[in-house]
Amino acid sequence: MDIYKKYYVYTILSLHDFDIYTWLTTDLKTRINEHMRGVVSSTKIRVPFKLVHYEYFVNFEDAKRREIYLKSGAGRAKLKDSLKKTLAQKTYMPYRMTR
């Protein structure tokens, strides 16, 4: 076991569909760049993204438990409530919405 290993639970906001997506990684910067470049198959149709939340852990089990919680109904609702103003802002959109 690597005592210097870092685990990040992160949430990104799609500026395409304005939904949030949460995952776990050991290299936050690289993973966010992968999402932005559209190389992550589960999110490639939702590009671009904005990192809106992350948490740092030194233990994998703790990080995995947190990821599972934030993906649950209660965790997702609590996270959305915590990010209420961030999610309501649409001024950071890189393109114009048409309806």
N, C-alpha and C. Protein backbone atom coordinates (compact mmCIF):
# COMPACT_ATOMS: atom_id res chain seq x y z
N MET A 1 0.85 -1.19 0.00
CA MET A 1 0.00 0.00 0.00
C MET A 1 0.88 1.24 0.00
N ASP A 2 0.58 2.17 -0.86
CA ASP A 2 1.33 3.41 -0.99
C ASP A 2 0.80 4.44 0.01
N ILE A 3 1.64 4.82 0.98
CA ILE A 3 1.18 5.77 2.01
C ILE A 3 1.07 7.19 1.46
N TYR A 4 1.59 7.42 0.27
CA TYR A 4 1.53 8.76 -0.32
C TYR A 4 0.48 8.87 -1.42
N LYS A 5 -0.32 7.86 -1.57
CA LYS A 5 -1.36 7.87 -2.60
C LYS A 5 -2.43 8.90 -2.24
N LYS A 6 -2.94 9.57 -3.26
CA LYS A 6 -3.99 10.57 -3.07
C LYS A 6 -5.22 10.12 -3.85
N TYR A 7 -6.37 10.36 -3.26
CA TYR A 7 -7.63 10.02 -3.90
C TYR A 7 -8.53 11.25 -3.89
N TYR A 8 -9.11 11.53 -5.02
CA TYR A 8 -9.99 12.68 -5.15
C TYR A 8 -11.38 12.21 -5.57
N VAL A 9 -12.38 12.68 -4.87
CA VAL A 9 -13.77 12.51 -5.30
C VAL A 9 -14.16 13.87 -5.86
N TYR A 10 -14.54 13.89 -7.11
CA TYR A 10 -14.78 15.17 -7.76
C TYR A 10 -16.15 15.19 -8.44
N THR A 11 -16.65 16.40 -8.61
CA THR A 11 -17.92 16.60 -9.30
C THR A 11 -17.71 17.66 -10.37
N ILE A 12 -18.14 17.32 -11.57
CA ILE A 12 -18.07 18.27 -12.68
C ILE A 12 -19.49 18.62 -13.11
N LEU A 13 -19.62 19.80 -13.64
CA LEU A 13 -20.89 20.29 -14.16
C LEU A 13 -20.78 20.35 -15.68
N SER A 14 -21.70 19.69 -16.36
CA SER A 14 -21.73 19.76 -17.81
C SER A 14 -22.34 21.09 -18.22
N LEU A 15 -21.65 21.83 -19.05
CA LEU A 15 -22.19 23.08 -19.58
C LEU A 15 -23.04 22.81 -20.82
N HIS A 16 -23.21 21.54 -21.13
CA HIS A 16 -24.06 21.13 -22.24
C HIS A 16 -25.47 20.83 -21.75
N ASP A 17 -25.58 20.01 -20.69
CA ASP A 17 -26.91 19.65 -20.18
C ASP A 17 -27.14 20.13 -18.74
N PHE A 18 -26.17 20.82 -18.16
CA PHE A 18 -26.26 21.40 -16.81
C PHE A 18 -26.60 20.37 -15.74
N ASP A 19 -26.07 19.17 -15.91
CA ASP A 19 -26.19 18.15 -14.87
C ASP A 19 -24.82 17.93 -14.27
N ILE A 20 -24.78 17.32 -13.08
CA ILE A 20 -23.51 17.08 -12.41
C ILE A 20 -23.16 15.60 -12.47
N TYR A 21 -21.86 15.33 -12.49
CA TYR A 21 -21.33 13.97 -12.58
C TYR A 21 -20.20 13.85 -11.56
N THR A 22 -20.23 12.76 -10.78
CA THR A 22 -19.26 12.55 -9.70
C THR A 22 -18.48 11.27 -9.93
N TRP A 23 -17.15 11.34 -9.72
CA TRP A 23 -16.27 10.19 -9.86
C TRP A 23 -15.14 10.25 -8.85
N LEU A 24 -14.31 9.22 -8.90
CA LEU A 24 -13.13 9.06 -8.04
C LEU A 24 -11.91 8.92 -8.94
N THR A 25 -10.81 9.59 -8.57
CA THR A 25 -9.57 9.49 -9.35
C THR A 25 -8.36 9.67 -8.44
N THR A 26 -7.19 9.30 -8.94
CA THR A 26 -5.94 9.55 -8.22
C THR A 26 -5.17 10.70 -8.85
N ASP A 27 -5.61 11.17 -10.01
CA ASP A 27 -4.95 12.29 -10.69
C ASP A 27 -6.02 13.25 -11.19
N LEU A 28 -6.38 14.20 -10.37
CA LEU A 28 -7.50 15.09 -10.66
C LEU A 28 -7.28 15.91 -11.92
N LYS A 29 -6.13 16.52 -12.05
CA LYS A 29 -5.86 17.40 -13.19
C LYS A 29 -5.95 16.63 -14.52
N THR A 30 -5.33 15.48 -14.57
CA THR A 30 -5.37 14.67 -15.79
C THR A 30 -6.79 14.23 -16.11
N ARG A 31 -7.52 13.80 -15.09
CA ARG A 31 -8.88 13.30 -15.31
C ARG A 31 -9.81 14.41 -15.81
N ILE A 32 -9.70 15.60 -15.25
CA ILE A 32 -10.52 16.72 -15.71
C ILE A 32 -10.19 17.05 -17.16
N ASN A 33 -8.90 17.03 -17.49
CA ASN A 33 -8.49 17.28 -18.87
C ASN A 33 -9.06 16.22 -19.82
N GLU A 34 -9.11 14.97 -19.37
CA GLU A 34 -9.70 13.91 -20.19
C GLU A 34 -11.18 14.17 -20.44
N HIS A 35 -11.89 14.59 -19.41
CA HIS A 35 -13.31 14.93 -19.59
C HIS A 35 -13.45 16.08 -20.59
N MET A 36 -12.63 17.10 -20.44
CA MET A 36 -12.72 18.28 -21.31
C MET A 36 -12.39 17.95 -22.76
N ARG A 37 -11.47 17.02 -22.98
CA ARG A 37 -11.10 16.63 -24.34
C ARG A 37 -12.09 15.64 -24.96
N GLY A 38 -13.03 15.16 -24.16
CA GLY A 38 -14.04 14.23 -24.67
C GLY A 38 -13.56 12.81 -24.83
N VAL A 39 -12.52 12.41 -24.10
CA VAL A 39 -12.00 11.04 -24.22
C VAL A 39 -12.60 10.08 -23.19
N VAL A 40 -13.42 10.58 -22.28
CA VAL A 40 -14.10 9.72 -21.33
C VAL A 40 -15.44 9.33 -21.95
N SER A 41 -15.60 8.05 -22.24
CA SER A 41 -16.76 7.61 -23.03
C SER A 41 -18.10 7.97 -22.37
N SER A 42 -18.16 7.93 -21.05
CA SER A 42 -19.44 8.19 -20.38
C SER A 42 -19.84 9.66 -20.37
N THR A 43 -18.91 10.56 -20.68
CA THR A 43 -19.25 11.99 -20.64
C THR A 43 -18.92 12.73 -21.94
N LYS A 44 -18.44 12.04 -22.95
CA LYS A 44 -17.96 12.74 -24.15
C LYS A 44 -19.04 13.55 -24.86
N ILE A 45 -20.30 13.15 -24.75
CA ILE A 45 -21.35 13.92 -25.43
C ILE A 45 -21.83 15.10 -24.59
N ARG A 46 -21.23 15.29 -23.40
CA ARG A 46 -21.67 16.35 -22.50
C ARG A 46 -20.62 17.47 -22.33
N VAL A 47 -19.60 17.47 -23.14
CA VAL A 47 -18.53 18.47 -23.11
C VAL A 47 -19.14 19.82 -23.46
N PRO A 48 -18.69 20.92 -22.89
CA PRO A 48 -17.60 21.13 -21.95
C PRO A 48 -18.05 20.99 -20.49
N PHE A 49 -17.06 20.98 -19.61
CA PHE A 49 -17.32 20.81 -18.18
C PHE A 49 -16.65 21.90 -17.36
N LYS A 50 -17.15 22.01 -16.14
CA LYS A 50 -16.53 22.89 -15.16
C LYS A 50 -16.42 22.08 -13.87
N LEU A 51 -15.23 22.05 -13.27
CA LEU A 51 -15.05 21.41 -11.98
C LEU A 51 -15.73 22.28 -10.93
N VAL A 52 -16.68 21.72 -10.19
CA VAL A 52 -17.43 22.51 -9.22
C VAL A 52 -17.21 22.05 -7.78
N HIS A 53 -16.61 20.86 -7.60
CA HIS A 53 -16.42 20.36 -6.24
C HIS A 53 -15.42 19.21 -6.26
N TYR A 54 -14.53 19.17 -5.26
CA TYR A 54 -13.70 17.98 -5.08
C TYR A 54 -13.30 17.86 -3.62
N GLU A 55 -13.01 16.62 -3.24
CA GLU A 55 -12.56 16.31 -1.88
C GLU A 55 -11.34 15.41 -2.00
N TYR A 56 -10.39 15.60 -1.08
CA TYR A 56 -9.13 14.86 -1.08
C TYR A 56 -9.13 13.84 0.06
N PHE A 57 -8.69 12.61 -0.25
CA PHE A 57 -8.61 11.54 0.74
C PHE A 57 -7.26 10.86 0.67
N VAL A 58 -6.82 10.31 1.79
CA VAL A 58 -5.58 9.53 1.82
C VAL A 58 -5.87 8.04 1.92
N ASN A 59 -7.14 7.68 2.00
CA ASN A 59 -7.55 6.29 2.12
C ASN A 59 -8.57 5.97 1.03
N PHE A 60 -8.30 4.91 0.26
CA PHE A 60 -9.18 4.55 -0.85
C PHE A 60 -10.58 4.20 -0.38
N GLU A 61 -10.70 3.43 0.68
CA GLU A 61 -12.02 3.00 1.15
C GLU A 61 -12.88 4.21 1.55
N ASP A 62 -12.26 5.19 2.21
CA ASP A 62 -13.00 6.40 2.59
C ASP A 62 -13.46 7.16 1.34
N ALA A 63 -12.56 7.26 0.36
CA ALA A 63 -12.89 7.98 -0.87
C ALA A 63 -14.01 7.25 -1.63
N LYS A 64 -13.93 5.93 -1.71
CA LYS A 64 -14.95 5.16 -2.43
C LYS A 64 -16.30 5.27 -1.74
N ARG A 65 -16.30 5.23 -0.43
CA ARG A 65 -17.55 5.38 0.32
C ARG A 65 -18.18 6.76 0.06
N ARG A 66 -17.33 7.79 0.01
CA ARG A 66 -17.83 9.15 -0.25
C ARG A 66 -18.38 9.26 -1.67
N GLU A 67 -17.69 8.67 -2.63
CA GLU A 67 -18.17 8.70 -4.02
C GLU A 67 -19.54 8.03 -4.10
N ILE A 68 -19.67 6.87 -3.49
CA ILE A 68 -20.95 6.15 -3.52
C ILE A 68 -22.05 7.00 -2.88
N TYR A 69 -21.73 7.65 -1.76
CA TYR A 69 -22.73 8.50 -1.11
C TYR A 69 -23.15 9.66 -2.01
N LEU A 70 -22.17 10.35 -2.62
CA LEU A 70 -22.49 11.51 -3.45
C LEU A 70 -23.26 11.12 -4.72
N LYS A 71 -23.17 9.87 -5.13
CA LYS A 71 -23.93 9.38 -6.27
C LYS A 71 -25.32 8.89 -5.87
N SER A 72 -25.55 8.72 -4.57
CA SER A 72 -26.86 8.27 -4.09
C SER A 72 -27.85 9.43 -4.17
N GLY A 73 -29.12 9.12 -4.06
CA GLY A 73 -30.14 10.16 -4.11
C GLY A 73 -29.96 11.21 -3.04
N ALA A 74 -29.73 10.77 -1.79
CA ALA A 74 -29.56 11.72 -0.68
C ALA A 74 -28.28 12.53 -0.83
N GLY A 75 -27.19 11.87 -1.21
CA GLY A 75 -25.91 12.57 -1.37
C GLY A 75 -25.94 13.56 -2.51
N ARG A 76 -26.55 13.17 -3.60
CA ARG A 76 -26.66 14.06 -4.77
C ARG A 76 -27.51 15.28 -4.43
N ALA A 77 -28.60 15.06 -3.70
CA ALA A 77 -29.47 16.18 -3.30
C ALA A 77 -28.72 17.13 -2.37
N LYS A 78 -27.97 16.57 -1.43
CA LYS A 78 -27.22 17.41 -0.48
C LYS A 78 -26.12 18.19 -1.21
N LEU A 79 -25.45 17.54 -2.16
CA LEU A 79 -24.42 18.22 -2.93
C LEU A 79 -25.02 19.34 -3.76
N LYS A 80 -26.14 19.07 -4.42
CA LYS A 80 -26.80 20.11 -5.21
C LYS A 80 -27.24 21.28 -4.34
N ASP A 81 -27.69 20.98 -3.12
CA ASP A 81 -28.08 22.04 -2.20
C ASP A 81 -26.86 22.87 -1.80
N SER A 82 -25.73 22.21 -1.56
CA SER A 82 -24.49 22.91 -1.20
C SER A 82 -23.99 23.79 -2.34
N LEU A 83 -24.27 23.38 -3.55
CA LEU A 83 -23.79 24.10 -4.74
C LEU A 83 -24.90 24.92 -5.40
N LYS A 84 -25.92 25.23 -4.65
CA LYS A 84 -27.12 25.88 -5.21
C LYS A 84 -26.79 27.12 -6.04
N LYS A 85 -25.99 28.02 -5.51
CA LYS A 85 -25.67 29.27 -6.24
C LYS A 85 -24.78 28.99 -7.45
N THR A 86 -23.84 28.07 -7.28
CA THR A 86 -22.95 27.70 -8.40
C THR A 86 -23.76 27.11 -9.54
N LEU A 87 -24.69 26.23 -9.22
CA LEU A 87 -25.48 25.58 -10.26
C LEU A 87 -26.51 26.52 -10.89
N ALA A 88 -26.91 27.53 -10.16
CA ALA A 88 -27.90 28.49 -10.68
C ALA A 88 -27.27 29.50 -11.64
N GLN A 89 -25.96 29.76 -11.47
CA GLN A 89 -25.28 30.72 -12.34
C GLN A 89 -25.14 30.14 -13.73
N LYS A 90 -25.50 30.90 -14.70
CA LYS A 90 -25.31 30.44 -16.07
C LYS A 90 -24.43 31.43 -16.84
N THR A 91 -23.76 32.31 -16.10
CA THR A 91 -22.93 33.34 -16.72
C THR A 91 -21.61 32.79 -17.23
N TYR A 92 -21.22 31.59 -16.81
CA TYR A 92 -19.95 31.03 -17.23
C TYR A 92 -20.10 30.16 -18.47
N MET A 93 -21.29 30.19 -19.09
CA MET A 93 -21.53 29.38 -20.27
C MET A 93 -20.63 29.85 -21.41
N PRO A 94 -19.95 28.92 -22.08
CA PRO A 94 -19.07 29.31 -23.18
C PRO A 94 -19.81 29.54 -24.50
N TYR A 95 -21.10 29.31 -24.51
CA TYR A 95 -21.87 29.49 -25.73
C TYR A 95 -23.25 30.02 -25.34
N ARG A 96 -23.99 30.43 -26.31
CA ARG A 96 -25.30 31.03 -26.08
C ARG A 96 -26.40 29.98 -26.24
N MET A 97 -27.30 29.96 -25.28
CA MET A 97 -28.44 29.03 -25.36
C MET A 97 -29.49 29.62 -26.28
N THR A 98 -30.09 28.78 -27.09
CA THR A 98 -31.19 29.20 -27.94
C THR A 98 -32.39 28.33 -27.65
N ARG A 99 -33.53 28.93 -27.56
CA ARG A 99 -34.77 28.18 -27.29
C ARG A 99 -35.85 28.66 -28.21
